[in-house]
N, C-alpha and C. Protein backbone atom coordinates (compact mmCIF):
# COMPACT_ATOMS: atom_id res chain seq x y z
N UNK A 1 19.41 -7.84 -8.54
CA UNK A 1 18.04 -7.56 -8.28
C UNK A 1 16.93 -8.81 -7.81
N UNK A 2 15.72 -8.27 -6.98
CA UNK A 2 15.20 -8.96 -6.17
C UNK A 2 14.03 -9.44 -7.38
N UNK A 3 13.34 -10.42 -7.39
CA UNK A 3 11.85 -11.38 -8.23
C UNK A 3 10.88 -11.08 -7.55
N UNK A 4 9.72 -11.30 -8.14
CA UNK A 4 8.32 -10.65 -7.49
C UNK A 4 8.27 -12.14 -7.17
N UNK A 5 7.68 -12.28 -6.03
CA UNK A 5 6.92 -13.30 -5.65
C UNK A 5 5.70 -13.22 -5.01
N UNK A 6 5.06 -14.53 -4.54
CA UNK A 6 4.17 -14.56 -3.40
C UNK A 6 4.70 -13.97 -2.00
N UNK A 7 4.02 -14.00 -1.48
CA UNK A 7 4.42 -13.63 0.44
C UNK A 7 4.24 -15.11 0.66
N UNK A 8 5.35 -14.94 2.13
CA UNK A 8 4.84 -16.09 2.44
C UNK A 8 4.31 -16.02 4.05
N UNK A 9 4.05 -17.14 4.88
CA UNK A 9 2.80 -16.98 5.48
C UNK A 9 3.26 -16.31 7.11
N UNK A 10 5.18 -16.10 7.10
CA UNK A 10 4.98 -15.68 8.04
C UNK A 10 5.43 -13.76 7.77
N UNK A 11 5.49 -13.72 6.64
CA UNK A 11 5.16 -12.00 5.98
C UNK A 11 3.81 -11.54 6.14
N UNK A 12 3.14 -12.57 5.77
CA UNK A 12 1.60 -12.18 5.84
C UNK A 12 1.23 -12.16 7.37
N UNK A 13 1.69 -12.66 8.27
CA UNK A 13 1.59 -12.62 9.55
C UNK A 13 2.51 -11.17 10.03
N UNK A 14 3.14 -10.97 9.28
CA UNK A 14 3.87 -9.31 9.67
C UNK A 14 2.80 -8.59 9.01
N UNK A 15 2.36 -8.37 8.22
CA UNK A 15 1.39 -7.68 7.61
C UNK A 15 0.10 -7.68 8.91
N UNK A 16 -0.56 -8.41 8.94
CA UNK A 16 -1.66 -8.79 10.07
C UNK A 16 -0.77 -8.32 11.57
N UNK A 17 0.09 -8.57 12.00
CA UNK A 17 0.58 -7.74 13.37
C UNK A 17 0.64 -6.27 13.12
N UNK A 18 0.96 -5.39 12.15
CA UNK A 18 1.35 -4.26 11.56
C UNK A 18 -0.38 -3.60 11.86
N UNK A 19 -1.14 -4.38 10.95
CA UNK A 19 -2.44 -3.95 10.75
C UNK A 19 -3.39 -3.52 12.51
N UNK A 20 -2.91 -4.79 13.29
CA UNK A 20 -3.37 -4.69 14.79
C UNK A 20 -2.67 -4.16 15.73
N UNK A 21 -1.41 -3.10 14.71
CA UNK A 21 -0.04 -2.19 15.45
C UNK A 21 0.19 -3.02 16.80
N UNK A 22 0.64 -4.15 16.50
CA UNK A 22 1.63 -5.30 17.47
C UNK A 22 2.62 -5.09 17.12
N UNK A 23 3.37 -4.54 15.83
CA UNK A 23 4.93 -3.52 15.77
C UNK A 23 4.38 -2.78 14.70
N UNK A 24 5.89 -2.17 14.45
CA UNK A 24 5.35 -0.23 13.93
C UNK A 24 6.21 -0.65 12.70
N UNK A 25 5.85 0.31 11.45
CA UNK A 25 6.53 0.15 10.05
C UNK A 25 7.97 -0.33 10.17
N UNK A 26 8.46 0.09 11.35
CA UNK A 26 10.15 0.05 11.20
C UNK A 26 10.44 -1.46 11.54
N UNK A 27 9.57 -2.44 12.37
CA UNK A 27 9.53 -3.55 12.28
C UNK A 27 9.10 -3.90 11.27
N UNK A 28 7.88 -3.81 10.98
CA UNK A 28 7.52 -4.47 9.06
C UNK A 28 8.31 -4.76 8.32
N UNK A 29 9.20 -3.55 7.76
CA UNK A 29 9.64 -3.64 6.44
C UNK A 29 11.03 -4.38 6.42
N UNK A 30 11.39 -4.50 7.52
CA UNK A 30 12.44 -5.87 7.69
C UNK A 30 11.85 -7.44 7.53
N UNK A 31 10.34 -7.80 8.58
CA UNK A 31 10.02 -9.00 8.45
C UNK A 31 9.58 -8.89 6.97
N UNK A 32 9.33 -8.35 5.96
CA UNK A 32 9.46 -8.41 4.78
C UNK A 32 10.21 -9.02 3.59
N UNK A 33 11.83 -8.79 3.99
CA UNK A 33 12.86 -9.21 3.45
C UNK A 33 12.74 -8.19 2.69
N UNK A 34 12.98 -6.83 2.48
CA UNK A 34 13.02 -5.90 0.88
C UNK A 34 12.01 -5.56 0.84
N UNK A 35 10.93 -6.70 0.37
CA UNK A 35 10.00 -7.44 -0.94
C UNK A 35 9.24 -5.63 -0.96
N UNK A 36 9.45 -4.85 -0.09
CA UNK A 36 8.16 -3.71 -0.18
C UNK A 36 9.25 -2.46 0.78
N UNK A 37 9.41 -1.36 -0.19
CA UNK A 37 10.06 0.13 -0.07
C UNK A 37 8.71 0.88 -0.05
N UNK A 38 9.07 1.93 1.12
CA UNK A 38 7.85 3.02 1.39
C UNK A 38 8.81 4.03 1.52
N UNK A 39 8.57 5.19 0.48
CA UNK A 39 9.17 6.33 0.70
C UNK A 39 8.11 7.80 1.04
N UNK A 40 8.53 8.73 2.25
CA UNK A 40 7.82 9.98 2.57
C UNK A 40 8.77 10.56 2.38
N UNK A 41 8.25 11.64 1.04
CA UNK A 41 8.83 12.41 0.65
C UNK A 41 8.16 13.83 1.08
N UNK A 42 9.02 14.84 1.27
CA UNK A 42 8.12 16.41 1.39
C UNK A 42 6.44 16.59 0.24
N UNK A 43 6.55 16.36 -0.39
CA UNK A 43 5.21 16.55 -1.36
C UNK A 43 4.46 15.20 -1.88
N UNK A 44 4.91 14.09 -1.28
CA UNK A 44 4.22 12.50 -1.97
C UNK A 44 4.78 11.55 -1.01
N UNK A 45 3.66 10.82 -1.44
CA UNK A 45 4.56 9.28 -0.58
C UNK A 45 4.69 8.36 -1.11
N UNK A 46 5.10 7.13 -1.59
CA UNK A 46 5.09 6.05 -2.90
C UNK A 46 5.68 4.87 -1.84
N UNK A 47 4.71 3.81 -2.11
CA UNK A 47 5.22 2.47 -2.08
C UNK A 47 5.51 1.86 -3.17
N UNK A 48 6.35 0.51 -3.24
CA UNK A 48 6.71 -0.27 -4.00
C UNK A 48 6.82 -1.81 -3.77
N UNK A 49 5.81 -2.44 -3.94
CA UNK A 49 6.22 -4.01 -3.25
C UNK A 49 6.10 -4.79 -4.59
N UNK A 50 7.81 -5.86 -4.42
CA UNK A 50 7.57 -6.70 -5.40
C UNK A 50 7.09 -8.12 -5.04
N UNK A 51 5.75 -8.30 -4.19
CA UNK A 51 5.34 -9.46 -4.26
C UNK A 51 4.31 -9.24 -5.03
N UNK A 52 3.75 -10.73 -5.44
CA UNK A 52 2.60 -11.02 -6.47
C UNK A 52 1.09 -10.34 -5.53
N UNK A 53 0.16 -10.12 -6.44
CA UNK A 53 -1.09 -9.51 -5.52
C UNK A 53 -1.26 -10.50 -4.70
N UNK A 54 -1.37 -10.16 -3.40
CA UNK A 54 -1.74 -10.84 -2.01
C UNK A 54 -3.29 -11.76 -1.95
N UNK A 55 -3.10 -12.78 -1.91
CA UNK A 55 -4.35 -13.13 -1.85
C UNK A 55 -4.75 -14.19 -1.26
N UNK A 56 -5.52 -14.48 0.01
CA UNK A 56 -6.59 -13.54 -0.12
C UNK A 56 -5.94 -11.93 0.39
N UNK A 57 -6.02 -11.06 0.10
CA UNK A 57 -5.79 -9.41 0.47
C UNK A 57 -6.51 -9.37 2.17
N UNK A 58 -5.76 -8.56 3.10
CA UNK A 58 -5.89 -8.70 4.53
C UNK A 58 -7.29 -7.60 4.33
N UNK A 59 -8.30 -8.05 5.13
CA UNK A 59 -9.18 -7.05 5.24
C UNK A 59 -9.21 -6.01 6.44
N UNK A 60 -9.16 -4.81 6.50
CA UNK A 60 -9.07 -3.70 6.92
C UNK A 60 -10.64 -3.47 7.67
N UNK A 61 -10.55 -3.52 8.84
CA UNK A 61 -12.55 -3.15 9.86
C UNK A 61 -12.03 -2.08 10.38
N UNK A 62 -13.46 -1.44 10.54
CA UNK A 62 -13.45 -0.34 12.02
C UNK A 62 -12.66 -0.65 13.04
N UNK A 63 -12.66 -1.67 13.54
CA UNK A 63 -12.39 -2.06 14.58
C UNK A 63 -10.25 -1.76 14.72
N UNK A 64 -10.08 -1.77 13.40
CA UNK A 64 -8.22 -1.69 13.18
C UNK A 64 -8.19 -0.15 13.07
N UNK A 65 -9.19 0.75 12.93
CA UNK A 65 -8.74 2.23 12.96
C UNK A 65 -9.40 2.54 14.32
N UNK A 66 -9.64 1.87 15.19
CA UNK A 66 -10.55 2.20 16.86
C UNK A 66 -9.40 1.88 17.55
N UNK A 67 -8.68 1.04 17.25
CA UNK A 67 -7.46 0.38 17.56
C UNK A 67 -6.73 1.33 17.58
N UNK A 68 -6.31 1.90 16.65
CA UNK A 68 -5.53 2.82 16.44
C UNK A 68 -5.04 3.89 17.05
N UNK A 69 -6.63 4.30 17.06
CA UNK A 69 -6.75 5.91 17.84
C UNK A 69 -6.59 5.51 18.79
N UNK A 70 -6.94 4.35 19.91
CA UNK A 70 -6.85 4.31 21.34
C UNK A 70 -5.67 4.22 21.72
N UNK A 71 -4.73 3.42 20.72
CA UNK A 71 -3.51 3.57 21.29
C UNK A 71 -2.72 5.07 21.19
N UNK A 72 -2.84 5.11 20.30
CA UNK A 72 -2.79 7.09 20.12
C UNK A 72 -3.35 7.82 21.43
N UNK A 73 -4.58 7.41 21.66
CA UNK A 73 -4.87 8.45 22.53
C UNK A 73 -4.26 7.90 23.65
N UNK A 74 -4.15 7.00 24.45
CA UNK A 74 -3.04 6.19 25.55
C UNK A 74 -1.83 6.42 25.55
N UNK A 75 -1.36 7.13 24.29
CA UNK A 75 0.39 7.40 24.37
C UNK A 75 1.62 5.92 23.86
N UNK A 76 0.70 4.57 23.50
CA UNK A 76 1.38 3.70 23.06
C UNK A 76 2.08 4.07 21.66
N UNK A 77 1.61 5.01 20.77
CA UNK A 77 1.89 4.96 19.56
C UNK A 77 1.85 6.39 19.17
N UNK A 78 2.66 7.34 18.86
CA UNK A 78 3.11 8.81 18.40
C UNK A 78 2.12 9.02 17.04
N UNK A 79 1.96 10.17 17.26
CA UNK A 79 1.23 10.78 15.94
C UNK A 79 2.18 10.38 14.75
N UNK A 80 3.41 10.25 14.71
CA UNK A 80 4.24 10.24 13.60
C UNK A 80 4.11 8.47 13.16
N UNK A 81 3.71 7.69 14.43
CA UNK A 81 3.56 6.46 13.94
C UNK A 81 2.17 6.00 13.44
N UNK A 82 1.13 6.81 13.26
CA UNK A 82 -0.10 6.42 13.18
C UNK A 82 -0.31 7.19 11.76
N UNK A 83 0.47 7.82 11.44
CA UNK A 83 0.66 8.31 10.01
C UNK A 83 1.55 7.49 9.18
N UNK A 84 1.97 6.97 9.95
CA UNK A 84 3.09 5.90 9.01
C UNK A 84 2.44 4.34 8.78
N UNK A 85 1.65 4.32 10.15
CA UNK A 85 0.82 3.37 9.74
C UNK A 85 -0.64 3.27 8.62
N UNK A 86 -1.23 4.53 8.81
CA UNK A 86 -2.36 4.80 7.98
C UNK A 86 -2.03 4.96 6.53
N UNK A 87 -1.05 5.58 6.29
CA UNK A 87 -0.45 5.59 4.88
C UNK A 87 0.20 4.16 4.39
N UNK A 88 0.80 2.98 5.14
CA UNK A 88 1.48 2.21 4.63
C UNK A 88 0.13 1.26 4.08
N UNK A 89 -0.76 1.39 5.15
CA UNK A 89 -1.92 0.71 4.60
C UNK A 89 -2.85 1.37 3.47
N UNK A 90 -3.15 2.76 3.31
CA UNK A 90 -3.47 3.29 2.37
C UNK A 90 -2.80 2.57 1.17
N UNK A 91 -1.34 2.64 0.97
CA UNK A 91 -0.37 2.45 -0.40
C UNK A 91 -0.39 0.61 -0.71
N UNK A 92 -0.08 0.17 0.46
CA UNK A 92 -0.10 -1.72 0.05
C UNK A 92 -0.91 -2.22 -0.53
N UNK A 93 -0.95 -2.59 -1.41
CA UNK A 93 -2.25 -3.32 -2.01
C UNK A 93 -2.51 -4.69 -1.18
N UNK A 94 -1.96 -5.14 -0.79
CA UNK A 94 -2.03 -6.24 0.58
C UNK A 94 -3.55 -6.04 1.31
N UNK A 95 -3.27 -4.73 1.74
CA UNK A 95 -4.84 -4.11 2.34
C UNK A 95 -5.63 -3.76 1.69
N UNK A 96 -7.03 -3.93 1.99
CA UNK A 96 -8.32 -3.60 1.41
C UNK A 96 -9.49 -3.42 2.34
N UNK A 97 -10.42 -2.50 1.95
CA UNK A 97 -11.68 -2.05 3.21
C UNK A 97 -12.55 -2.09 2.34
N UNK A 98 -13.29 -3.27 1.85
CA UNK A 98 -14.39 -3.25 0.96
C UNK A 98 -15.08 -3.38 1.76
N UNK A 99 -16.58 -3.03 1.73
CA UNK A 99 -17.90 -3.38 2.61
C UNK A 99 -18.43 -2.67 3.22
N UNK A 100 -19.44 -2.81 4.36
CA UNK A 100 -20.35 -1.46 4.35
C UNK A 100 -19.56 -0.33 4.80
N UNK A 101 -18.95 -0.45 5.54
CA UNK A 101 -17.53 0.72 6.23
C UNK A 101 -17.13 1.26 5.05
N UNK A 102 -16.49 0.67 3.60
CA UNK A 102 -15.50 1.36 3.40
C UNK A 102 -15.40 2.87 2.95
N UNK A 103 -16.56 3.51 2.86
CA UNK A 103 -15.96 4.97 2.93
C UNK A 103 -15.46 5.46 4.24
N UNK A 104 -16.05 5.08 5.14
CA UNK A 104 -15.77 5.55 6.57
C UNK A 104 -14.19 5.32 7.24
N UNK A 105 -14.09 4.10 6.27
CA UNK A 105 -12.12 3.43 6.78
C UNK A 105 -11.68 4.54 5.87
N UNK A 106 -11.70 4.31 4.30
CA UNK A 106 -11.03 4.94 3.74
C UNK A 106 -10.98 6.62 3.98
N UNK A 107 -11.96 6.96 4.41
CA UNK A 107 -11.85 8.81 5.16
C UNK A 107 -10.66 8.80 6.15
N UNK A 108 -11.28 7.57 7.25
CA UNK A 108 -9.86 7.52 8.03
C UNK A 108 -9.28 7.70 7.66
N UNK A 109 -8.49 6.58 6.99
CA UNK A 109 -7.04 6.27 6.74
C UNK A 109 -6.51 7.62 6.19
N UNK A 110 -7.01 8.37 5.27
CA UNK A 110 -6.81 9.24 4.46
C UNK A 110 -6.41 10.48 5.60
N UNK A 111 -7.56 10.85 6.15
CA UNK A 111 -7.16 11.87 7.81
C UNK A 111 -5.97 11.64 8.23
N UNK A 112 -6.06 10.22 9.10
CA UNK A 112 -4.71 9.92 9.78
C UNK A 112 -3.74 10.36 9.06
N UNK A 113 -3.80 9.51 7.80
CA UNK A 113 -2.44 9.89 6.78
C UNK A 113 -1.44 11.25 6.47
N UNK A 114 -2.54 12.49 6.85
CA UNK A 114 -2.13 13.64 6.16
C UNK A 114 -2.46 13.84 8.24
N UNK A 115 -2.22 13.03 8.98
CA UNK A 115 -2.38 13.92 10.61
C UNK A 115 -3.58 14.76 11.10
N UNK A 116 -4.62 14.98 10.16
CA UNK A 116 -6.08 15.18 10.54
C UNK A 116 -6.18 14.50 11.76
N UNK A 117 -5.77 14.86 12.71
CA UNK A 117 -6.27 13.99 14.10
C UNK A 117 -7.48 14.19 14.63
N UNK A 118 -8.20 15.65 14.28
CA UNK A 118 -9.09 16.71 14.68
C UNK A 118 -10.34 15.96 15.58
N UNK A 119 -10.49 15.26 14.05
CA UNK A 119 -12.31 14.71 14.08
C UNK A 119 -12.05 13.05 15.03
N UNK A 120 -10.50 13.14 15.15
CA UNK A 120 -10.56 11.53 16.16
C UNK A 120 -10.29 11.93 17.49
N UNK A 121 -10.51 13.02 17.98
CA UNK A 121 -9.93 13.15 19.42
C UNK A 121 -10.91 12.73 20.65
N UNK A 122 -11.71 12.16 20.08
CA UNK A 122 -12.60 11.74 21.14
C UNK A 122 -13.74 10.41 20.58
N UNK A 123 -13.71 9.15 21.12
CA UNK A 123 -14.34 8.44 20.62
C UNK A 123 -15.53 8.75 19.72
N UNK A 124 -15.52 7.72 18.67
CA UNK A 124 -16.48 8.07 18.04
C UNK A 124 -17.77 7.44 17.50
């Protein structure tokens, strides 16, 4: 059985790279060495992390949302990729979006995680 532990610098960097969409979920999970699992079920999505609380957490900002939308618009990532990206960020407690734009960021992540792209078809 895998024991809880602190995140390594390399794992933290993988989480940063995922946030910037430099890697996809399929590349992130192996980089986290089995410490995080995520399930996309028909009626629910859930994530389990065996990391101790990540301190400091990774800050999600509007630029991350805009980057993801631009990569989707330009065809660099698929709708499936952006759904999985936004869902993982919502579920994994390594990421936070506290601050002046937190409601807008949270709403965008929720919309994207359910494939609601209509609001984001043009630059905001």
